[in-house]
Amino acid sequence: MKELEDFDLNAVRRDAHRAIWVLVILNAFVLIFYLIDTKLSEFVFIALFVQLSLLIVWLLPVFLYQVWAKKIGFKIAIYQALSSYRSLMRQVSW
């Protein structure tokens, strides 16, 4: 049973790290677009607004639910929230 819990924690941690990399790459592209041409500032504003909205609407409620309702530790709750963000991004079809 302990091995199964460790395996799930490792999978959640791995998904959280991937979600962080997705956020870093998205923000790097947004910064590049802004530095290339200020005419793309509308795109930069929209991209930052979407990311902020996802943070407030998706990640924060998942984190708070994990901490308050499930009584999970702070660090694991962050991993769970970021892991859920990665699964959300996986469902988005561009």
N, C-alpha and C. Protein backbone atom coordinates (compact mmCIF):
# COMPACT_ATOMS: atom_id res chain seq x y z
N MET A 1 0.83 -1.19 0.00
CA MET A 1 0.00 0.00 0.00
C MET A 1 0.87 1.25 0.00
N LYS A 2 1.94 1.25 0.78
CA LYS A 2 2.84 2.40 0.86
C LYS A 2 3.51 2.66 -0.49
N GLU A 3 3.87 1.58 -1.21
CA GLU A 3 4.50 1.74 -2.52
C GLU A 3 3.55 2.40 -3.51
N LEU A 4 2.27 2.05 -3.43
CA LEU A 4 1.27 2.63 -4.33
C LEU A 4 1.12 4.13 -4.04
N GLU A 5 1.11 4.52 -2.77
CA GLU A 5 1.01 5.93 -2.41
C GLU A 5 2.25 6.70 -2.89
N ASP A 6 3.44 6.09 -2.74
CA ASP A 6 4.66 6.74 -3.21
C ASP A 6 4.65 6.87 -4.73
N PHE A 7 4.14 5.86 -5.42
CA PHE A 7 4.06 5.92 -6.88
C PHE A 7 3.13 7.05 -7.31
N ASP A 8 1.99 7.18 -6.66
CA ASP A 8 1.07 8.26 -7.01
C ASP A 8 1.68 9.62 -6.71
N LEU A 9 2.39 9.73 -5.60
CA LEU A 9 3.03 10.99 -5.26
C LEU A 9 4.10 11.34 -6.28
N ASN A 10 4.86 10.34 -6.72
CA ASN A 10 5.88 10.61 -7.74
C ASN A 10 5.24 11.04 -9.05
N ALA A 11 4.13 10.43 -9.43
CA ALA A 11 3.44 10.82 -10.66
C ALA A 11 2.90 12.24 -10.55
N VAL A 12 2.34 12.58 -9.40
CA VAL A 12 1.82 13.94 -9.20
C VAL A 12 2.97 14.94 -9.22
N ARG A 13 4.07 14.61 -8.60
CA ARG A 13 5.23 15.50 -8.58
C ARG A 13 5.77 15.70 -10.00
N ARG A 14 5.84 14.63 -10.77
CA ARG A 14 6.32 14.72 -12.15
C ARG A 14 5.37 15.60 -12.99
N ASP A 15 4.06 15.40 -12.81
CA ASP A 15 3.08 16.23 -13.53
C ASP A 15 3.19 17.70 -13.12
N ALA A 16 3.44 17.94 -11.85
CA ALA A 16 3.58 19.33 -11.36
C ALA A 16 4.81 19.98 -11.98
N HIS A 17 5.90 19.25 -12.08
CA HIS A 17 7.10 19.81 -12.69
C HIS A 17 6.87 20.11 -14.16
N ARG A 18 6.15 19.25 -14.83
CA ARG A 18 5.83 19.50 -16.24
C ARG A 18 4.93 20.74 -16.38
N ALA A 19 4.00 20.89 -15.47
CA ALA A 19 3.13 22.08 -15.51
C ALA A 19 3.93 23.35 -15.30
N ILE A 20 4.91 23.30 -14.41
CA ILE A 20 5.76 24.47 -14.19
C ILE A 20 6.53 24.80 -15.47
N TRP A 21 7.03 23.77 -16.15
CA TRP A 21 7.75 24.01 -17.40
C TRP A 21 6.83 24.60 -18.48
N VAL A 22 5.57 24.15 -18.51
CA VAL A 22 4.62 24.72 -19.47
C VAL A 22 4.43 26.21 -19.18
N LEU A 23 4.27 26.56 -17.92
CA LEU A 23 4.11 27.97 -17.56
C LEU A 23 5.35 28.78 -17.90
N VAL A 24 6.53 28.23 -17.66
CA VAL A 24 7.77 28.93 -17.97
C VAL A 24 7.90 29.15 -19.48
N ILE A 25 7.60 28.13 -20.26
CA ILE A 25 7.71 28.25 -21.72
C ILE A 25 6.69 29.25 -22.26
N LEU A 26 5.45 29.18 -21.75
CA LEU A 26 4.44 30.14 -22.19
C LEU A 26 4.85 31.57 -21.87
N ASN A 27 5.36 31.79 -20.68
CA ASN A 27 5.78 33.14 -20.29
C ASN A 27 7.01 33.59 -21.09
N ALA A 28 7.89 32.67 -21.44
CA ALA A 28 9.05 33.03 -22.27
C ALA A 28 8.59 33.48 -23.65
N PHE A 29 7.63 32.76 -24.24
CA PHE A 29 7.11 33.18 -25.54
C PHE A 29 6.40 34.52 -25.46
N VAL A 30 5.66 34.73 -24.41
CA VAL A 30 4.98 36.01 -24.24
C VAL A 30 6.00 37.13 -24.13
N LEU A 31 7.07 36.92 -23.38
CA LEU A 31 8.12 37.92 -23.26
C LEU A 31 8.81 38.17 -24.59
N ILE A 32 9.07 37.12 -25.35
CA ILE A 32 9.70 37.27 -26.67
C ILE A 32 8.80 38.08 -27.60
N PHE A 33 7.50 37.75 -27.60
CA PHE A 33 6.57 38.50 -28.44
C PHE A 33 6.53 39.98 -28.05
N TYR A 34 6.61 40.25 -26.78
CA TYR A 34 6.58 41.63 -26.32
C TYR A 34 7.86 42.37 -26.73
N LEU A 35 8.99 41.68 -26.62
CA LEU A 35 10.26 42.33 -26.95
C LEU A 35 10.44 42.51 -28.45
N ILE A 36 9.88 41.63 -29.26
CA ILE A 36 10.03 41.73 -30.71
C ILE A 36 9.31 42.95 -31.24
N ASP A 37 8.06 43.08 -30.85
CA ASP A 37 7.27 44.19 -31.39
C ASP A 37 6.22 44.59 -30.38
N THR A 38 6.18 45.86 -30.09
CA THR A 38 5.19 46.32 -29.11
C THR A 38 3.78 46.32 -29.68
N LYS A 39 3.65 46.12 -31.00
CA LYS A 39 2.31 45.99 -31.58
C LYS A 39 1.63 44.72 -31.12
N LEU A 40 2.43 43.77 -30.67
CA LEU A 40 1.87 42.52 -30.16
C LEU A 40 1.50 42.63 -28.69
N SER A 41 1.50 43.83 -28.16
CA SER A 41 1.21 44.01 -26.74
C SER A 41 -0.22 43.58 -26.40
N GLU A 42 -1.15 43.64 -27.38
CA GLU A 42 -2.50 43.15 -27.13
C GLU A 42 -2.47 41.64 -26.87
N PHE A 43 -1.66 40.94 -27.67
CA PHE A 43 -1.51 39.50 -27.46
C PHE A 43 -0.90 39.20 -26.10
N VAL A 44 0.10 39.99 -25.72
CA VAL A 44 0.75 39.81 -24.43
C VAL A 44 -0.25 40.04 -23.30
N PHE A 45 -1.04 41.08 -23.41
CA PHE A 45 -2.05 41.36 -22.39
C PHE A 45 -3.07 40.22 -22.28
N ILE A 46 -3.53 39.74 -23.41
CA ILE A 46 -4.51 38.64 -23.41
C ILE A 46 -3.90 37.37 -22.82
N ALA A 47 -2.66 37.06 -23.20
CA ALA A 47 -2.01 35.86 -22.68
C ALA A 47 -1.83 35.95 -21.16
N LEU A 48 -1.41 37.10 -20.68
CA LEU A 48 -1.24 37.26 -19.23
C LEU A 48 -2.58 37.23 -18.50
N PHE A 49 -3.61 37.80 -19.11
CA PHE A 49 -4.94 37.77 -18.52
C PHE A 49 -5.47 36.34 -18.43
N VAL A 50 -5.26 35.56 -19.47
CA VAL A 50 -5.71 34.16 -19.46
C VAL A 50 -4.97 33.37 -18.38
N GLN A 51 -3.66 33.58 -18.27
CA GLN A 51 -2.90 32.88 -17.25
C GLN A 51 -3.34 33.27 -15.84
N LEU A 52 -3.58 34.55 -15.62
CA LEU A 52 -4.05 35.01 -14.32
C LEU A 52 -5.43 34.44 -14.01
N SER A 53 -6.29 34.40 -15.02
CA SER A 53 -7.63 33.83 -14.83
C SER A 53 -7.55 32.35 -14.47
N LEU A 54 -6.68 31.62 -15.15
CA LEU A 54 -6.51 30.20 -14.83
C LEU A 54 -5.99 30.03 -13.40
N LEU A 55 -5.09 30.91 -13.01
CA LEU A 55 -4.56 30.83 -11.65
C LEU A 55 -5.66 31.04 -10.62
N ILE A 56 -6.49 32.05 -10.84
CA ILE A 56 -7.53 32.38 -9.87
C ILE A 56 -8.70 31.40 -9.93
N VAL A 57 -9.11 31.05 -11.13
CA VAL A 57 -10.30 30.21 -11.29
C VAL A 57 -10.00 28.73 -11.13
N TRP A 58 -8.80 28.29 -11.51
CA TRP A 58 -8.52 26.86 -11.50
C TRP A 58 -7.57 26.46 -10.38
N LEU A 59 -6.38 27.01 -10.36
CA LEU A 59 -5.36 26.53 -9.43
C LEU A 59 -5.66 26.86 -7.97
N LEU A 60 -6.10 28.07 -7.71
CA LEU A 60 -6.38 28.47 -6.32
C LEU A 60 -7.48 27.64 -5.68
N PRO A 61 -8.63 27.43 -6.35
CA PRO A 61 -9.66 26.59 -5.73
C PRO A 61 -9.22 25.14 -5.51
N VAL A 62 -8.46 24.59 -6.46
CA VAL A 62 -7.97 23.22 -6.29
C VAL A 62 -7.03 23.16 -5.09
N PHE A 63 -6.14 24.13 -4.98
CA PHE A 63 -5.22 24.18 -3.85
C PHE A 63 -5.96 24.31 -2.53
N LEU A 64 -6.90 25.24 -2.47
CA LEU A 64 -7.64 25.45 -1.22
C LEU A 64 -8.47 24.23 -0.84
N TYR A 65 -9.04 23.56 -1.82
CA TYR A 65 -9.80 22.34 -1.54
C TYR A 65 -8.88 21.26 -0.97
N GLN A 66 -7.69 21.12 -1.53
CA GLN A 66 -6.75 20.11 -1.04
C GLN A 66 -6.31 20.41 0.39
N VAL A 67 -6.10 21.69 0.70
CA VAL A 67 -5.62 22.05 2.03
C VAL A 67 -6.73 21.99 3.08
N TRP A 68 -7.87 22.59 2.77
CA TRP A 68 -8.93 22.69 3.78
C TRP A 68 -9.82 21.46 3.85
N ALA A 69 -10.28 20.95 2.75
CA ALA A 69 -11.24 19.85 2.77
C ALA A 69 -10.55 18.50 2.98
N LYS A 70 -9.46 18.28 2.25
CA LYS A 70 -8.80 16.98 2.33
C LYS A 70 -7.70 16.93 3.39
N LYS A 71 -7.36 18.09 3.95
CA LYS A 71 -6.33 18.18 5.00
C LYS A 71 -4.99 17.62 4.54
N ILE A 72 -4.63 17.95 3.31
CA ILE A 72 -3.35 17.52 2.75
C ILE A 72 -2.32 18.60 3.05
N GLY A 73 -1.07 18.20 3.15
CA GLY A 73 0.00 19.15 3.43
C GLY A 73 0.14 20.20 2.34
N PHE A 74 0.77 21.29 2.71
CA PHE A 74 0.92 22.44 1.82
C PHE A 74 1.66 22.09 0.54
N LYS A 75 2.78 21.41 0.66
CA LYS A 75 3.62 21.07 -0.49
C LYS A 75 2.89 20.11 -1.43
N ILE A 76 2.25 19.12 -0.89
CA ILE A 76 1.53 18.15 -1.72
C ILE A 76 0.32 18.80 -2.37
N ALA A 77 -0.32 19.74 -1.68
CA ALA A 77 -1.45 20.45 -2.27
C ALA A 77 -1.01 21.30 -3.46
N ILE A 78 0.16 21.90 -3.37
CA ILE A 78 0.70 22.64 -4.52
C ILE A 78 0.95 21.70 -5.68
N TYR A 79 1.55 20.53 -5.39
CA TYR A 79 1.77 19.53 -6.45
C TYR A 79 0.45 19.10 -7.08
N GLN A 80 -0.58 18.89 -6.25
CA GLN A 80 -1.88 18.46 -6.77
C GLN A 80 -2.49 19.54 -7.67
N ALA A 81 -2.40 20.79 -7.25
CA ALA A 81 -2.96 21.88 -8.05
C ALA A 81 -2.23 22.01 -9.38
N LEU A 82 -0.91 21.96 -9.35
CA LEU A 82 -0.15 22.06 -10.59
C LEU A 82 -0.38 20.85 -11.49
N SER A 83 -0.54 19.69 -10.89
CA SER A 83 -0.84 18.49 -11.65
C SER A 83 -2.19 18.62 -12.34
N SER A 84 -3.16 19.21 -11.65
CA SER A 84 -4.47 19.41 -12.27
C SER A 84 -4.38 20.42 -13.40
N TYR A 85 -3.49 21.41 -13.28
CA TYR A 85 -3.28 22.37 -14.36
C TYR A 85 -2.71 21.67 -15.59
N ARG A 86 -1.80 20.76 -15.36
CA ARG A 86 -1.22 20.02 -16.49
C ARG A 86 -2.28 19.18 -17.18
N SER A 87 -3.14 18.53 -16.41
CA SER A 87 -4.20 17.74 -17.03
C SER A 87 -5.20 18.64 -17.75
N LEU A 88 -5.43 19.84 -17.23
CA LEU A 88 -6.28 20.80 -17.93
C LEU A 88 -5.66 21.21 -19.26
N MET A 89 -4.38 21.48 -19.27
CA MET A 89 -3.70 21.87 -20.51
C MET A 89 -3.66 20.71 -21.50
N ARG A 90 -3.64 19.50 -21.02
CA ARG A 90 -3.66 18.33 -21.90
C ARG A 90 -5.00 18.24 -22.63
N GLN A 91 -6.08 18.68 -22.00
CA GLN A 91 -7.40 18.60 -22.61
C GLN A 91 -7.66 19.73 -23.60
N VAL A 92 -6.87 20.80 -23.50
CA VAL A 92 -7.04 21.93 -24.43
C VAL A 92 -6.49 21.51 -25.79
N SER A 93 -7.30 21.62 -26.78
CA SER A 93 -6.88 21.24 -28.14
C SER A 93 -6.70 22.49 -28.96
N TRP A 94 -5.49 22.73 -29.39
CA TRP A 94 -5.19 23.94 -30.17
C TRP A 94 -5.33 23.64 -31.64
